């Protein structure tokens, strides 16, 4: 299962919620892409995670950015019949054919921005650094999403910014958008 959406849309929350119900491990593309180019991490995901998982092997992958910068640990995935991959670009054209289902998490742009900046502040950035990082990241994300249009591959669209009309984790539309 691939879960895609803009930054701050609720992809991780949706992935966690679904993975618990499906008894499936979750791989976050942010971990694979850590200190790589923001949108050019497909080969790392394929070679380090998906290829061994497809061969029914346990995964313990240290992405290049982790090795180069001394980040401890590894992305681990037990042998499993199910796998959830979430992140901006997870449902890109190079990966979507490998999935049984693609979800798009639709969100209000302003709420997503607030969430993204708040998350980065929680991770130790100052408010100014978080806002600057958001703008820099949007310089990659917006053209990438405009080119890839992953929502068009979605079988289901999830409400990532619920309001009084639609409860959280509700399916708000059958895809594609």
C-alpha atoms as a PDB file:
ATOM      1  CA  UNK A   1       0.000   0.000   0.000  1.00  0.00           C
ATOM      2  CA  UNK A   2       1.297   3.422  -0.961  1.00  0.00           C
ATOM      3  CA  UNK A   3       0.054   6.511   0.880  1.00  0.00           C
ATOM      4  CA  UNK A   4       0.836   9.862  -0.689  1.00  0.00           C
ATOM      5  CA  UNK A   5      -0.168  13.468  -0.054  1.00  0.00           C
ATOM      6  CA  UNK A   6       1.397  16.862   0.424  1.00  0.00           C
ATOM      7  CA  UNK A   7       3.551  17.588   3.464  1.00  0.00           C
ATOM      8  CA  UNK A   8       1.538  17.940   6.651  1.00  0.00           C
ATOM      9  CA  UNK A   9      -1.531  16.313   5.089  1.00  0.00           C
ATOM     10  CA  UNK A  10      -1.841  13.457   7.570  1.00  0.00           C
ATOM     11  CA  UNK A  11      -0.047  10.670   5.682  1.00  0.00           C
ATOM     12  CA  UNK A  12       1.847   9.368   8.702  1.00  0.00           C
ATOM     13  CA  UNK A  13      -1.274   9.445  10.875  1.00  0.00           C
ATOM     14  CA  UNK A  14      -3.248   7.616   8.193  1.00  0.00           C
ATOM     15  CA  UNK A  15      -0.451   5.085   7.642  1.00  0.00           C
ATOM     16  CA  UNK A  16      -0.155   4.377  11.366  1.00  0.00           C
ATOM     17  CA  UNK A  17      -3.921   3.961  11.706  1.00  0.00           C
ATOM     18  CA  UNK A  18      -4.136   1.579   8.738  1.00  0.00           C
ATOM     19  CA  UNK A  19      -0.984  -0.365   9.600  1.00  0.00           C
ATOM     20  CA  UNK A  20      -2.316  -1.137  13.076  1.00  0.00           C
ATOM     21  CA  UNK A  21      -5.522  -2.504  11.582  1.00  0.00           C
ATOM     22  CA  UNK A  22      -3.705  -4.447   8.856  1.00  0.00           C
ATOM     23  CA  UNK A  23      -0.879  -5.674  11.104  1.00  0.00           C
ATOM     24  CA  UNK A  24       1.562  -4.243   8.571  1.00  0.00           C
ATOM     25  CA  UNK A  25       4.932  -2.551   8.971  1.00  0.00           C
ATOM     26  CA  UNK A  26       5.307   1.062   7.808  1.00  0.00           C
ATOM     27  CA  UNK A  27       8.203   2.567   5.884  1.00  0.00           C
ATOM     28  CA  UNK A  28       8.443   6.361   5.841  1.00  0.00           C
ATOM     29  CA  UNK A  29       9.983   7.799   2.688  1.00  0.00           C
ATOM     30  CA  UNK A  30      11.376  10.622   4.849  1.00  0.00           C
ATOM     31  CA  UNK A  31      13.645   8.017   6.462  1.00  0.00           C
ATOM     32  CA  UNK A  32      14.793   6.623   3.115  1.00  0.00           C
ATOM     33  CA  UNK A  33      15.357  10.127   1.723  1.00  0.00           C
ATOM     34  CA  UNK A  34      17.110  11.524   4.811  1.00  0.00           C
ATOM     35  CA  UNK A  35      19.882  13.792   3.477  1.00  0.00           C
ATOM     36  CA  UNK A  36      19.311  12.644  -0.103  1.00  0.00           C
ATOM     37  CA  UNK A  37      17.717  14.817  -2.769  1.00  0.00           C
ATOM     38  CA  UNK A  38      14.123  15.404  -1.595  1.00  0.00           C
ATOM     39  CA  UNK A  39      12.499  13.695  -4.573  1.00  0.00           C
ATOM     40  CA  UNK A  40      15.217  11.390  -5.915  1.00  0.00           C
ATOM     41  CA  UNK A  41      15.207   8.409  -3.568  1.00  0.00           C
ATOM     42  CA  UNK A  42      13.404   5.733  -5.618  1.00  0.00           C
ATOM     43  CA  UNK A  43      16.507   3.601  -6.206  1.00  0.00           C
ATOM     44  CA  UNK A  44      17.292   3.664  -2.473  1.00  0.00           C
ATOM     45  CA  UNK A  45      13.761   2.509  -1.609  1.00  0.00           C
ATOM     46  CA  UNK A  46      13.734  -0.162  -4.312  1.00  0.00           C
ATOM     47  CA  UNK A  47      17.183  -1.592  -3.638  1.00  0.00           C
ATOM     48  CA  UNK A  48      17.246  -1.208   0.111  1.00  0.00           C
ATOM     49  CA  UNK A  49      13.664  -1.972   1.114  1.00  0.00           C
ATOM     50  CA  UNK A  50      11.335  -3.205  -1.606  1.00  0.00           C
ATOM     51  CA  UNK A  51      13.608  -5.683  -3.387  1.00  0.00           C
ATOM     52  CA  UNK A  52      14.428  -7.670  -0.216  1.00  0.00           C
ATOM     53  CA  UNK A  53      10.833  -7.390   1.033  1.00  0.00           C
ATOM     54  CA  UNK A  54       9.520  -8.775  -2.276  1.00  0.00           C
ATOM     55  CA  UNK A  55      11.970 -11.704  -1.881  1.00  0.00           C
ATOM     56  CA  UNK A  56      10.412 -12.336   1.579  1.00  0.00           C
ATOM     57  CA  UNK A  57      13.596 -11.317   3.346  1.00  0.00           C
ATOM     58  CA  UNK A  58      13.835  -9.321   6.536  1.00  0.00           C
ATOM     59  CA  UNK A  59      14.934  -5.748   5.813  1.00  0.00           C
ATOM     60  CA  UNK A  60      17.608  -3.881   7.773  1.00  0.00           C
ATOM     61  CA  UNK A  61      18.559  -1.001   5.509  1.00  0.00           C
ATOM     62  CA  UNK A  62      20.888   1.894   6.215  1.00  0.00           C
ATOM     63  CA  UNK A  63      20.231   4.548   3.572  1.00  0.00           C
ATOM     64  CA  UNK A  64      23.224   6.431   2.168  1.00  0.00           C
ATOM     65  CA  UNK A  65      22.398   9.600   4.116  1.00  0.00           C
ATOM     66  CA  UNK A  66      22.409   7.637   7.370  1.00  0.00           C
ATOM     67  CA  UNK A  67      25.811   6.123   6.685  1.00  0.00           C
ATOM     68  CA  UNK A  68      27.381   9.406   5.516  1.00  0.00           C
ATOM     69  CA  UNK A  69      26.116  11.370   8.523  1.00  0.00           C
ATOM     70  CA  UNK A  70      26.494   8.712  11.211  1.00  0.00           C
ATOM     71  CA  UNK A  71      22.790   8.237  11.931  1.00  0.00           C
ATOM     72  CA  UNK A  72      22.361   5.166  14.100  1.00  0.00           C
ATOM     73  CA  UNK A  73      20.013   2.280  13.419  1.00  0.00           C
ATOM     74  CA  UNK A  74      18.373   1.037  10.263  1.00  0.00           C
ATOM     75  CA  UNK A  75      15.033   0.913   8.507  1.00  0.00           C
ATOM     76  CA  UNK A  76      13.735  -2.483   9.557  1.00  0.00           C
ATOM     77  CA  UNK A  77      10.886  -4.432   8.022  1.00  0.00           C
ATOM     78  CA  UNK A  78      10.037  -7.948   9.167  1.00  0.00           C
ATOM     79  CA  UNK A  79       8.997 -10.605   6.684  1.00  0.00           C
ATOM     80  CA  UNK A  80       5.355  -9.767   6.045  1.00  0.00           C
ATOM     81  CA  UNK A  81       2.682 -10.167   3.401  1.00  0.00           C
ATOM     82  CA  UNK A  82       1.733  -6.511   3.831  1.00  0.00           C
ATOM     83  CA  UNK A  83       3.697  -3.292   3.742  1.00  0.00           C
ATOM     84  CA  UNK A  84       2.632   0.339   4.004  1.00  0.00           C
ATOM     85  CA  UNK A  85       4.889   2.980   2.457  1.00  0.00           C
ATOM     86  CA  UNK A  86       4.020   6.591   3.170  1.00  0.00           C
ATOM     87  CA  UNK A  87       5.445   9.898   2.139  1.00  0.00           C
ATOM     88  CA  UNK A  88       5.423  12.649  -0.424  1.00  0.00           C
ATOM     89  CA  UNK A  89       6.022  10.885  -3.716  1.00  0.00           C
ATOM     90  CA  UNK A  90       5.258   7.382  -2.454  1.00  0.00           C
ATOM     91  CA  UNK A  91       2.694   6.936  -5.249  1.00  0.00           C
ATOM     92  CA  UNK A  92       4.939   8.289  -7.998  1.00  0.00           C
ATOM     93  CA  UNK A  93       4.722   6.635 -11.391  1.00  0.00           C
ATOM     94  CA  UNK A  94       7.852   4.533 -10.769  1.00  0.00           C
ATOM     95  CA  UNK A  95       6.383   2.909  -7.634  1.00  0.00           C
ATOM     96  CA  UNK A  96       2.612   2.805  -8.127  1.00  0.00           C
ATOM     97  CA  UNK A  97       2.656  -0.304 -10.359  1.00  0.00           C
ATOM     98  CA  UNK A  98       4.204  -2.254  -7.462  1.00  0.00           C
ATOM     99  CA  UNK A  99       1.297  -1.524  -5.107  1.00  0.00           C
ATOM    100  CA  UNK A 100      -1.998  -3.281  -4.592  1.00  0.00           C
ATOM    101  CA  UNK A 101      -3.602  -0.003  -3.567  1.00  0.00           C
ATOM    102  CA  UNK A 102      -2.728   3.693  -3.612  1.00  0.00           C
ATOM    103  CA  UNK A 103      -4.237   6.243  -1.221  1.00  0.00           C
ATOM    104  CA  UNK A 104      -4.059  10.010  -1.528  1.00  0.00           C
ATOM    105  CA  UNK A 105      -4.438  12.042   1.669  1.00  0.00           C
ATOM    106  CA  UNK A 106      -6.188  15.272   0.717  1.00  0.00           C
ATOM    107  CA  UNK A 107      -5.640  18.240   2.988  1.00  0.00           C
ATOM    108  CA  UNK A 108      -6.268  21.920   3.391  1.00  0.00           C
ATOM    109  CA  UNK A 109      -3.083  23.698   2.306  1.00  0.00           C
ATOM    110  CA  UNK A 110      -3.018  26.162   5.224  1.00  0.00           C
ATOM    111  CA  UNK A 111      -3.612  23.464   7.841  1.00  0.00           C
ATOM    112  CA  UNK A 112      -0.942  21.270   6.258  1.00  0.00           C
ATOM    113  CA  UNK A 113       1.539  24.161   6.429  1.00  0.00           C
ATOM    114  CA  UNK A 114       0.723  24.814  10.097  1.00  0.00           C
ATOM    115  CA  UNK A 115       1.213  21.115  10.881  1.00  0.00           C
ATOM    116  CA  UNK A 116       4.472  20.884   8.959  1.00  0.00           C
ATOM    117  CA  UNK A 117       5.998  23.906  10.645  1.00  0.00           C
ATOM    118  CA  UNK A 118       4.802  22.757  14.089  1.00  0.00           C
ATOM    119  CA  UNK A 119       6.312  19.303  13.484  1.00  0.00           C
ATOM    120  CA  UNK A 120       9.673  20.821  12.545  1.00  0.00           C
ATOM    121  CA  UNK A 121       9.632  23.023  15.648  1.00  0.00           C
ATOM    122  CA  UNK A 122       8.962  19.898  17.744  1.00  0.00           C
ATOM    123  CA  UNK A 123      12.004  18.321  16.084  1.00  0.00           C
ATOM    124  CA  UNK A 124      14.210  21.184  17.294  1.00  0.00           C
ATOM    125  CA  UNK A 125      14.084  23.889  14.659  1.00  0.00           C
ATOM    126  CA  UNK A 126      13.340  27.459  15.648  1.00  0.00           C
ATOM    127  CA  UNK A 127      10.064  28.871  14.278  1.00  0.00           C
ATOM    128  CA  UNK A 128      12.039  30.902  11.712  1.00  0.00           C
ATOM    129  CA  UNK A 129      14.106  27.872  10.668  1.00  0.00           C
ATOM    130  CA  UNK A 130      10.965  25.755  10.375  1.00  0.00           C
ATOM    131  CA  UNK A 131       9.218  28.365   8.220  1.00  0.00           C
ATOM    132  CA  UNK A 132      12.299  28.739   6.008  1.00  0.00           C
ATOM    133  CA  UNK A 133      12.608  24.959   5.651  1.00  0.00           C
ATOM    134  CA  UNK A 134       8.921  24.727   4.721  1.00  0.00           C
ATOM    135  CA  UNK A 135       9.374  27.262   1.922  1.00  0.00           C
ATOM    136  CA  UNK A 136      12.524  25.544   0.682  1.00  0.00           C
ATOM    137  CA  UNK A 137      10.794  22.149   0.736  1.00  0.00           C
ATOM    138  CA  UNK A 138       7.773  23.533  -1.146  1.00  0.00           C
ATOM    139  CA  UNK A 139      10.213  24.545  -3.882  1.00  0.00           C
ATOM    140  CA  UNK A 140      10.791  20.819  -4.435  1.00  0.00           C
ATOM    141  CA  UNK A 141       7.399  19.405  -3.482  1.00  0.00           C
ATOM    142  CA  UNK A 142       5.040  21.585  -5.495  1.00  0.00           C
ATOM    143  CA  UNK A 143       6.688  21.108  -8.916  1.00  0.00           C
ATOM    144  CA  UNK A 144       7.227  17.414  -8.177  1.00  0.00           C
ATOM    145  CA  UNK A 145       3.559  16.836  -7.330  1.00  0.00           C
ATOM    146  CA  UNK A 146       2.430  18.945 -10.294  1.00  0.00           C
ATOM    147  CA  UNK A 147       4.522  16.741 -12.575  1.00  0.00           C
ATOM    148  CA  UNK A 148       3.751  13.356 -10.995  1.00  0.00           C
ATOM    149  CA  UNK A 149       0.073  13.946 -10.076  1.00  0.00           C
ATOM    150  CA  UNK A 150      -0.027  10.937  -7.700  1.00  0.00           C
ATOM    151  CA  UNK A 151      -3.660  11.624  -6.742  1.00  0.00           C
ATOM    152  CA  UNK A 152      -4.589  10.396 -10.205  1.00  0.00           C
ATOM    153  CA  UNK A 153      -3.355   6.913  -9.246  1.00  0.00           C
ATOM    154  CA  UNK A 154      -5.295   6.809  -5.969  1.00  0.00           C
ATOM    155  CA  UNK A 155      -7.968   4.169  -5.515  1.00  0.00           C
ATOM    156  CA  UNK A 156      -9.141   6.034  -2.415  1.00  0.00           C
ATOM    157  CA  UNK A 157      -8.847   9.599  -1.174  1.00  0.00           C
ATOM    158  CA  UNK A 158      -8.619  10.137   2.581  1.00  0.00           C
ATOM    159  CA  UNK A 159      -9.652  13.283   4.434  1.00  0.00           C
ATOM    160  CA  UNK A 160      -6.438  14.444   6.094  1.00  0.00           C
ATOM    161  CA  UNK A 161      -7.872  17.636   7.580  1.00  0.00           C
ATOM    162  CA  UNK A 162     -11.219  16.667   9.039  1.00  0.00           C
ATOM    163  CA  UNK A 163     -13.800  19.209  10.002  1.00  0.00           C
ATOM    164  CA  UNK A 164     -17.300  18.895  11.389  1.00  0.00           C
ATOM    165  CA  UNK A 165     -18.637  17.437   8.133  1.00  0.00           C
ATOM    166  CA  UNK A 166     -16.265  14.512   7.620  1.00  0.00           C
ATOM    167  CA  UNK A 167     -14.697  12.487  10.474  1.00  0.00           C
ATOM    168  CA  UNK A 168     -10.973  11.772  10.579  1.00  0.00           C
ATOM    169  CA  UNK A 169      -9.772   8.834   8.476  1.00  0.00           C
ATOM    170  CA  UNK A 170     -12.966   8.908   6.440  1.00  0.00           C
ATOM    171  CA  UNK A 171     -12.804   8.028   2.802  1.00  0.00           C
ATOM    172  CA  UNK A 172     -14.041  11.145   1.089  1.00  0.00           C
ATOM    173  CA  UNK A 173     -13.903   9.938  -2.492  1.00  0.00           C
ATOM    174  CA  UNK A 174     -13.052   7.041  -4.685  1.00  0.00           C
ATOM    175  CA  UNK A 175     -10.038   7.925  -6.749  1.00  0.00           C
ATOM    176  CA  UNK A 176      -8.668   9.048  -8.970  1.00  0.00           C
ATOM    177  CA  UNK A 177      -9.254  12.734  -8.443  1.00  0.00           C
END
